[in-house]
Amino acid sequence: MIVIDGVVGVGKTTLANILVKERGLVLFEEPVTTNPILDKFYADRKRYAFPLQVFFLNERFKHIQRAARMKNAVLDRSIYGDCIFAKMLYEGGEMTGEEFAIYQELFKNMIQFCEPPKLMVYLEVSPEEAVKRITKRGRDYELDTEMDYWIRLNREYRTYFEEYNASPVLKINVEHLDFENDPEHQKYVLELIDRNLYDVYDVVV
């Protein structure tokens, strides 16, 4: 079980799909297109912050449990990194203290029943590059989000993964990598993932 994580627009879904194609893994997609709250959240964060995070928490809990049983899965983000968004919403005043406490309690209860990934792949990128990719993707609710939000999100991600210890972490700076269109870049990233899995678990994906 591999998890791909990183800020919005970094290329998580693209890399996950490459692993499906090149390594035969089963993809658990991030619940974005099927999320009935996401667009409402970007329009009114304070109103929809808590239900959005509970929705994600529940969906990611189901995903990681199913993925762990399969033993050959890749997750596009997971229950682990989702805490970053809840913390930001609380610190920004968009989630109340009571709501954040409930979220944390739910997370603590759920994480006891989650098998950690064999490898956490954290894709790093600057906020400026992330915004370029977000703009290219063209989702309306993301385009309307202020730059300060993406800067804060990037900072929180870096802090979180400096402290993350639930599983081995592979950090890849993708600022100048185009693994979607450049075969050499794709090969480089796949070899990094293979090597880290082999080094830690004595198996090759």
C-alpha atoms as a PDB file:
ATOM      1  CA  MET A   1       0.000   0.000   0.000  1.00  0.00           C
ATOM      2  CA  ILE A   2       1.466   3.297  -1.152  1.00  0.00           C
ATOM      3  CA  VAL A   3       0.097   6.758  -0.355  1.00  0.00           C
ATOM      4  CA  ILE A   4       0.788   9.786  -2.558  1.00  0.00           C
ATOM      5  CA  ASP A   5       0.437  13.085  -0.722  1.00  0.00           C
ATOM      6  CA  GLY A   6       1.258  16.738  -1.247  1.00  0.00           C
ATOM      7  CA  VAL A   7      -0.399  20.104  -1.686  1.00  0.00           C
ATOM      8  CA  VAL A   8      -3.234  20.718  -4.113  1.00  0.00           C
ATOM      9  CA  GLY A   9      -2.005  20.692  -7.713  1.00  0.00           C
ATOM     10  CA  VAL A  10       1.310  18.918  -7.049  1.00  0.00           C
ATOM     11  CA  GLY A  11       0.525  15.907  -9.245  1.00  0.00           C
ATOM     12  CA  LYS A  12      -0.743  13.262  -6.799  1.00  0.00           C
ATOM     13  CA  THR A  13      -3.435  11.880  -9.098  1.00  0.00           C
ATOM     14  CA  THR A  14      -1.104  11.879 -12.093  1.00  0.00           C
ATOM     15  CA  LEU A  15       1.543   9.885 -10.229  1.00  0.00           C
ATOM     16  CA  ALA A  16      -1.056   7.512  -8.794  1.00  0.00           C
ATOM     17  CA  ASN A  17      -2.347   6.769 -12.293  1.00  0.00           C
ATOM     18  CA  ILE A  18       1.211   6.138 -13.497  1.00  0.00           C
ATOM     19  CA  LEU A  19       1.694   3.604 -10.696  1.00  0.00           C
ATOM     20  CA  VAL A  20      -1.531   1.916 -11.746  1.00  0.00           C
ATOM     21  CA  LYS A  21      -0.331   1.656 -15.324  1.00  0.00           C
ATOM     22  CA  GLU A  22       3.331   0.836 -14.729  1.00  0.00           C
ATOM     23  CA  ARG A  23       3.196  -1.192 -11.509  1.00  0.00           C
ATOM     24  CA  GLY A  24      -0.274  -2.736 -11.640  1.00  0.00           C
ATOM     25  CA  LEU A  25      -1.550  -1.155  -8.436  1.00  0.00           C
ATOM     26  CA  VAL A  26      -5.218  -0.529  -7.706  1.00  0.00           C
ATOM     27  CA  LEU A  27      -6.089   3.159  -7.364  1.00  0.00           C
ATOM     28  CA  PHE A  28      -8.150   4.652  -4.575  1.00  0.00           C
ATOM     29  CA  GLU A  29      -9.003   8.096  -5.881  1.00  0.00           C
ATOM     30  CA  GLU A  30      -9.370  11.198  -3.767  1.00  0.00           C
ATOM     31  CA  PRO A  31     -13.116  11.767  -3.201  1.00  0.00           C
ATOM     32  CA  VAL A  32     -13.312  15.114  -4.970  1.00  0.00           C
ATOM     33  CA  THR A  33     -15.641  14.677  -7.936  1.00  0.00           C
ATOM     34  CA  THR A  34     -18.097  12.707  -5.783  1.00  0.00           C
ATOM     35  CA  ASN A  35     -17.916  15.201  -2.917  1.00  0.00           C
ATOM     36  CA  PRO A  36     -21.218  17.104  -2.508  1.00  0.00           C
ATOM     37  CA  ILE A  37     -19.723  19.704  -0.163  1.00  0.00           C
ATOM     38  CA  LEU A  38     -16.400  20.775  -1.699  1.00  0.00           C
ATOM     39  CA  ASP A  39     -17.619  23.554  -3.985  1.00  0.00           C
ATOM     40  CA  LYS A  40     -19.847  24.899  -1.200  1.00  0.00           C
ATOM     41  CA  PHE A  41     -16.887  24.910   1.172  1.00  0.00           C
ATOM     42  CA  TYR A  42     -14.768  27.116  -1.092  1.00  0.00           C
ATOM     43  CA  ALA A  43     -17.668  29.582  -1.263  1.00  0.00           C
ATOM     44  CA  ASP A  44     -18.357  29.567   2.501  1.00  0.00           C
ATOM     45  CA  ARG A  45     -15.577  27.916   4.488  1.00  0.00           C
ATOM     46  CA  LYS A  46     -16.916  28.671   7.953  1.00  0.00           C
ATOM     47  CA  ARG A  47     -20.291  27.109   7.230  1.00  0.00           C
ATOM     48  CA  TYR A  48     -19.004  23.963   5.533  1.00  0.00           C
ATOM     49  CA  ALA A  49     -15.561  23.360   7.075  1.00  0.00           C
ATOM     50  CA  PHE A  50     -16.634  20.789   9.658  1.00  0.00           C
ATOM     51  CA  PRO A  51     -18.996  18.699   7.469  1.00  0.00           C
ATOM     52  CA  LEU A  52     -16.389  18.719   4.695  1.00  0.00           C
ATOM     53  CA  GLN A  53     -13.670  17.366   6.978  1.00  0.00           C
ATOM     54  CA  VAL A  54     -15.949  14.710   8.445  1.00  0.00           C
ATOM     55  CA  PHE A  55     -16.919  13.640   4.922  1.00  0.00           C
ATOM     56  CA  PHE A  56     -13.251  13.306   3.928  1.00  0.00           C
ATOM     57  CA  LEU A  57     -12.339  11.544   7.165  1.00  0.00           C
ATOM     58  CA  ASN A  58     -15.046   8.938   6.681  1.00  0.00           C
ATOM     59  CA  GLU A  59     -14.222   8.342   3.008  1.00  0.00           C
ATOM     60  CA  ARG A  60     -10.485   8.059   3.643  1.00  0.00           C
ATOM     61  CA  PHE A  61     -11.083   5.665   6.530  1.00  0.00           C
ATOM     62  CA  LYS A  62     -13.032   3.365   4.216  1.00  0.00           C
ATOM     63  CA  HIS A  63     -10.370   3.673   1.517  1.00  0.00           C
ATOM     64  CA  ILE A  64      -7.372   2.828   3.678  1.00  0.00           C
ATOM     65  CA  GLN A  65      -9.107  -0.164   5.232  1.00  0.00           C
ATOM     66  CA  ARG A  66     -10.003  -1.599   1.827  1.00  0.00           C
ATOM     67  CA  ALA A  67      -6.538  -0.806   0.447  1.00  0.00           C
ATOM     68  CA  ALA A  68      -4.802  -2.561   3.346  1.00  0.00           C
ATOM     69  CA  ARG A  69      -6.732  -5.760   2.659  1.00  0.00           C
ATOM     70  CA  MET A  70      -5.781  -5.676  -1.031  1.00  0.00           C
ATOM     71  CA  LYS A  71      -2.017  -5.315  -0.471  1.00  0.00           C
ATOM     72  CA  ASN A  72      -1.436  -3.807  -3.929  1.00  0.00           C
ATOM     73  CA  ALA A  73      -3.042  -0.386  -3.726  1.00  0.00           C
ATOM     74  CA  VAL A  74      -2.093   3.250  -4.178  1.00  0.00           C
ATOM     75  CA  LEU A  75      -4.042   5.993  -2.431  1.00  0.00           C
ATOM     76  CA  ASP A  76      -4.393   9.520  -3.774  1.00  0.00           C
ATOM     77  CA  ARG A  77      -3.931  11.239  -0.387  1.00  0.00           C
ATOM     78  CA  SER A  78      -5.096   9.476   2.788  1.00  0.00           C
ATOM     79  CA  ILE A  79      -6.503   9.800   6.276  1.00  0.00           C
ATOM     80  CA  TYR A  80      -3.057  10.864   7.570  1.00  0.00           C
ATOM     81  CA  GLY A  81      -2.523  14.085   5.633  1.00  0.00           C
ATOM     82  CA  ASP A  82      -6.142  15.116   5.962  1.00  0.00           C
ATOM     83  CA  CYS A  83      -5.390  16.369   9.483  1.00  0.00           C
ATOM     84  CA  ILE A  84      -3.469  19.241   7.893  1.00  0.00           C
ATOM     85  CA  PHE A  85      -6.637  20.768   6.491  1.00  0.00           C
ATOM     86  CA  ALA A  86      -8.592  20.406   9.724  1.00  0.00           C
ATOM     87  CA  LYS A  87      -5.802  22.108  11.685  1.00  0.00           C
ATOM     88  CA  MET A  88      -5.660  24.980   9.192  1.00  0.00           C
ATOM     89  CA  LEU A  89      -9.406  25.476   9.323  1.00  0.00           C
ATOM     90  CA  TYR A  90      -9.357  25.579  13.107  1.00  0.00           C
ATOM     91  CA  GLU A  91      -6.429  27.991  13.296  1.00  0.00           C
ATOM     92  CA  GLY A  92      -8.035  30.199  10.652  1.00  0.00           C
ATOM     93  CA  GLY A  93     -11.276  30.453  12.622  1.00  0.00           C
ATOM     94  CA  GLU A  94     -13.289  28.523  10.057  1.00  0.00           C
ATOM     95  CA  MET A  95     -13.791  25.549  12.394  1.00  0.00           C
ATOM     96  CA  THR A  96     -14.764  26.059  16.025  1.00  0.00           C
ATOM     97  CA  GLY A  97     -12.825  24.633  18.940  1.00  0.00           C
ATOM     98  CA  GLU A  98     -15.653  22.199  19.645  1.00  0.00           C
ATOM     99  CA  GLU A  99     -15.754  21.033  16.033  1.00  0.00           C
ATOM    100  CA  PHE A 100     -11.986  20.569  15.900  1.00  0.00           C
ATOM    101  CA  ALA A 101     -12.036  18.582  19.157  1.00  0.00           C
ATOM    102  CA  ILE A 102     -14.719  16.280  17.724  1.00  0.00           C
ATOM    103  CA  TYR A 103     -12.693  15.850  14.530  1.00  0.00           C
ATOM    104  CA  GLN A 104      -9.546  14.984  16.496  1.00  0.00           C
ATOM    105  CA  GLU A 105     -11.437  12.444  18.596  1.00  0.00           C
ATOM    106  CA  LEU A 106     -12.883  10.812  15.489  1.00  0.00           C
ATOM    107  CA  PHE A 107      -9.420  10.693  13.914  1.00  0.00           C
ATOM    108  CA  LYS A 108      -7.833   9.116  17.008  1.00  0.00           C
ATOM    109  CA  ASN A 109     -10.554   6.464  17.149  1.00  0.00           C
ATOM    110  CA  MET A 110     -10.293   5.649  13.448  1.00  0.00           C
ATOM    111  CA  ILE A 111      -6.506   5.618  13.142  1.00  0.00           C
ATOM    112  CA  GLN A 112      -6.309   2.728  15.613  1.00  0.00           C
ATOM    113  CA  PHE A 113      -7.926   0.561  12.939  1.00  0.00           C
ATOM    114  CA  CYS A 114      -5.749   1.742  10.047  1.00  0.00           C
ATOM    115  CA  GLU A 115      -2.736  -0.157   8.762  1.00  0.00           C
ATOM    116  CA  PRO A 116       0.055   2.341   7.932  1.00  0.00           C
ATOM    117  CA  PRO A 117       1.204   2.479   4.307  1.00  0.00           C
ATOM    118  CA  LYS A 118       4.375   0.677   3.297  1.00  0.00           C
ATOM    119  CA  LEU A 119       5.549   3.944   1.789  1.00  0.00           C
ATOM    120  CA  MET A 120       4.333   7.526   2.033  1.00  0.00           C
ATOM    121  CA  VAL A 121       5.379   9.477  -1.067  1.00  0.00           C
ATOM    122  CA  TYR A 122       5.361  13.209  -0.313  1.00  0.00           C
ATOM    123  CA  LEU A 123       5.589  15.416  -3.397  1.00  0.00           C
ATOM    124  CA  GLU A 124       7.078  18.830  -2.625  1.00  0.00           C
ATOM    125  CA  VAL A 125       6.564  21.976  -4.694  1.00  0.00           C
ATOM    126  CA  SER A 126       6.553  25.734  -4.131  1.00  0.00           C
ATOM    127  CA  PRO A 127       3.220  27.544  -3.660  1.00  0.00           C
ATOM    128  CA  GLU A 128       3.857  29.498  -6.866  1.00  0.00           C
ATOM    129  CA  GLU A 129       4.352  26.353  -8.946  1.00  0.00           C
ATOM    130  CA  ALA A 130       1.346  24.699  -7.312  1.00  0.00           C
ATOM    131  CA  VAL A 131      -0.833  27.666  -8.288  1.00  0.00           C
ATOM    132  CA  LYS A 132       0.411  27.460 -11.887  1.00  0.00           C
ATOM    133  CA  ARG A 133      -0.708  23.842 -12.015  1.00  0.00           C
ATOM    134  CA  ILE A 134      -4.002  24.630 -10.299  1.00  0.00           C
ATOM    135  CA  THR A 135      -4.664  27.375 -12.852  1.00  0.00           C
ATOM    136  CA  LYS A 136      -3.925  24.969 -15.693  1.00  0.00           C
ATOM    137  CA  ARG A 137      -6.359  22.438 -14.217  1.00  0.00           C
ATOM    138  CA  GLY A 138      -9.071  25.093 -14.077  1.00  0.00           C
ATOM    139  CA  ARG A 139     -11.390  24.054 -11.249  1.00  0.00           C
ATOM    140  CA  ASP A 140     -13.507  27.135 -10.492  1.00  0.00           C
ATOM    141  CA  TYR A 141     -13.565  26.748  -6.710  1.00  0.00           C
ATOM    142  CA  GLU A 142      -9.768  26.462  -6.628  1.00  0.00           C
ATOM    143  CA  LEU A 143      -9.212  29.431  -8.951  1.00  0.00           C
ATOM    144  CA  ASP A 144     -11.239  31.658  -6.633  1.00  0.00           C
ATOM    145  CA  THR A 145      -9.036  30.816  -3.639  1.00  0.00           C
ATOM    146  CA  GLU A 146      -6.608  33.507  -2.500  1.00  0.00           C
ATOM    147  CA  MET A 147      -2.848  33.002  -2.766  1.00  0.00           C
ATOM    148  CA  ASP A 148      -2.395  33.273   0.998  1.00  0.00           C
ATOM    149  CA  TYR A 149      -4.351  30.053   1.460  1.00  0.00           C
ATOM    150  CA  TRP A 150      -2.008  28.104  -0.830  1.00  0.00           C
ATOM    151  CA  ILE A 151       1.044  29.566   0.932  1.00  0.00           C
ATOM    152  CA  ARG A 152      -0.296  28.530   4.339  1.00  0.00           C
ATOM    153  CA  LEU A 153      -1.212  25.080   3.033  1.00  0.00           C
ATOM    154  CA  ASN A 154       2.286  24.554   1.657  1.00  0.00           C
ATOM    155  CA  ARG A 155       3.852  25.597   4.968  1.00  0.00           C
ATOM    156  CA  GLU A 156       1.577  23.277   6.958  1.00  0.00           C
ATOM    157  CA  TYR A 157       2.379  20.356   4.654  1.00  0.00           C
ATOM    158  CA  ARG A 158       6.109  20.821   5.089  1.00  0.00           C
ATOM    159  CA  THR A 159       5.743  21.014   8.877  1.00  0.00           C
ATOM    160  CA  TYR A 160       3.503  17.958   9.005  1.00  0.00           C
ATOM    161  CA  PHE A 161       5.860  15.761   7.013  1.00  0.00           C
ATOM    162  CA  GLU A 162       8.862  16.835   9.046  1.00  0.00           C
ATOM    163  CA  GLU A 163       7.129  15.215  12.040  1.00  0.00           C
ATOM    164  CA  TYR A 164       5.257  12.345  10.345  1.00  0.00           C
ATOM    165  CA  ASN A 165       6.503   8.943  11.564  1.00  0.00           C
ATOM    166  CA  ALA A 166       3.670   6.477  10.950  1.00  0.00           C
ATOM    167  CA  SER A 167       5.573   4.911   8.047  1.00  0.00           C
ATOM    168  CA  PRO A 168       8.654   5.418   5.859  1.00  0.00           C
ATOM    169  CA  VAL A 169       8.498   8.650   3.843  1.00  0.00           C
ATOM    170  CA  LEU A 170       9.927   9.365   0.416  1.00  0.00           C
ATOM    171  CA  LYS A 171      10.117  13.111  -0.254  1.00  0.00           C
ATOM    172  CA  ILE A 172      10.402  14.108  -3.902  1.00  0.00           C
ATOM    173  CA  ASN A 173      10.796  17.711  -4.989  1.00  0.00           C
ATOM    174  CA  VAL A 174       8.802  17.952  -8.223  1.00  0.00           C
ATOM    175  CA  GLU A 175       9.247  21.679  -8.849  1.00  0.00           C
ATOM    176  CA  HIS A 176      11.011  21.011 -12.157  1.00  0.00           C
ATOM    177  CA  LEU A 177       9.706  17.539 -12.904  1.00  0.00           C
ATOM    178  CA  ASP A 178       7.062  16.720 -15.498  1.00  0.00           C
ATOM    179  CA  PHE A 179       6.535  13.015 -14.882  1.00  0.00           C
ATOM    180  CA  GLU A 180       3.247  13.168 -16.770  1.00  0.00           C
ATOM    181  CA  ASN A 181       4.819  14.060 -20.133  1.00  0.00           C
ATOM    182  CA  ASP A 182       8.562  13.441 -19.822  1.00  0.00           C
ATOM    183  CA  PRO A 183       9.519   9.715 -19.918  1.00  0.00           C
ATOM    184  CA  GLU A 184      12.864  10.356 -18.222  1.00  0.00           C
ATOM    185  CA  HIS A 185      11.237  12.228 -15.365  1.00  0.00           C
ATOM    186  CA  GLN A 186       8.675   9.445 -15.002  1.00  0.00           C
ATOM    187  CA  LYS A 187      11.407   6.810 -14.947  1.00  0.00           C
ATOM    188  CA  TYR A 188      13.318   8.778 -12.299  1.00  0.00           C
ATOM    189  CA  VAL A 189      10.313   9.005  -9.971  1.00  0.00           C
ATOM    190  CA  LEU A 190       9.343   5.351 -10.417  1.00  0.00           C
ATOM    191  CA  GLU A 191      12.900   4.214  -9.691  1.00  0.00           C
ATOM    192  CA  LEU A 192      12.956   6.310  -6.514  1.00  0.00           C
ATOM    193  CA  ILE A 193       9.755   4.646  -5.333  1.00  0.00           C
ATOM    194  CA  ASP A 194      10.974   1.153  -6.255  1.00  0.00           C
ATOM    195  CA  ARG A 195      14.303   1.706  -4.521  1.00  0.00           C
ATOM    196  CA  ASN A 196      12.692   2.923  -1.310  1.00  0.00           C
ATOM    197  CA  LEU A 197      10.278   0.022  -1.197  1.00  0.00           C
ATOM    198  CA  TYR A 198      13.140  -2.415  -1.805  1.00  0.00           C
ATOM    199  CA  ASP A 199      15.442  -0.823   0.763  1.00  0.00           C
ATOM    200  CA  VAL A 200      12.819  -0.848   3.493  1.00  0.00           C
ATOM    201  CA  TYR A 201      10.895  -4.041   2.807  1.00  0.00           C
ATOM    202  CA  ASP A 202      13.184  -6.215   0.701  1.00  0.00           C
ATOM    203  CA  VAL A 203      10.524  -6.466  -2.002  1.00  0.00           C
ATOM    204  CA  VAL A 204      10.149  -4.877  -5.388  1.00  0.00           C
ATOM    205  CA  VAL A 205       6.787  -3.490  -6.477  1.00  0.00           C
END
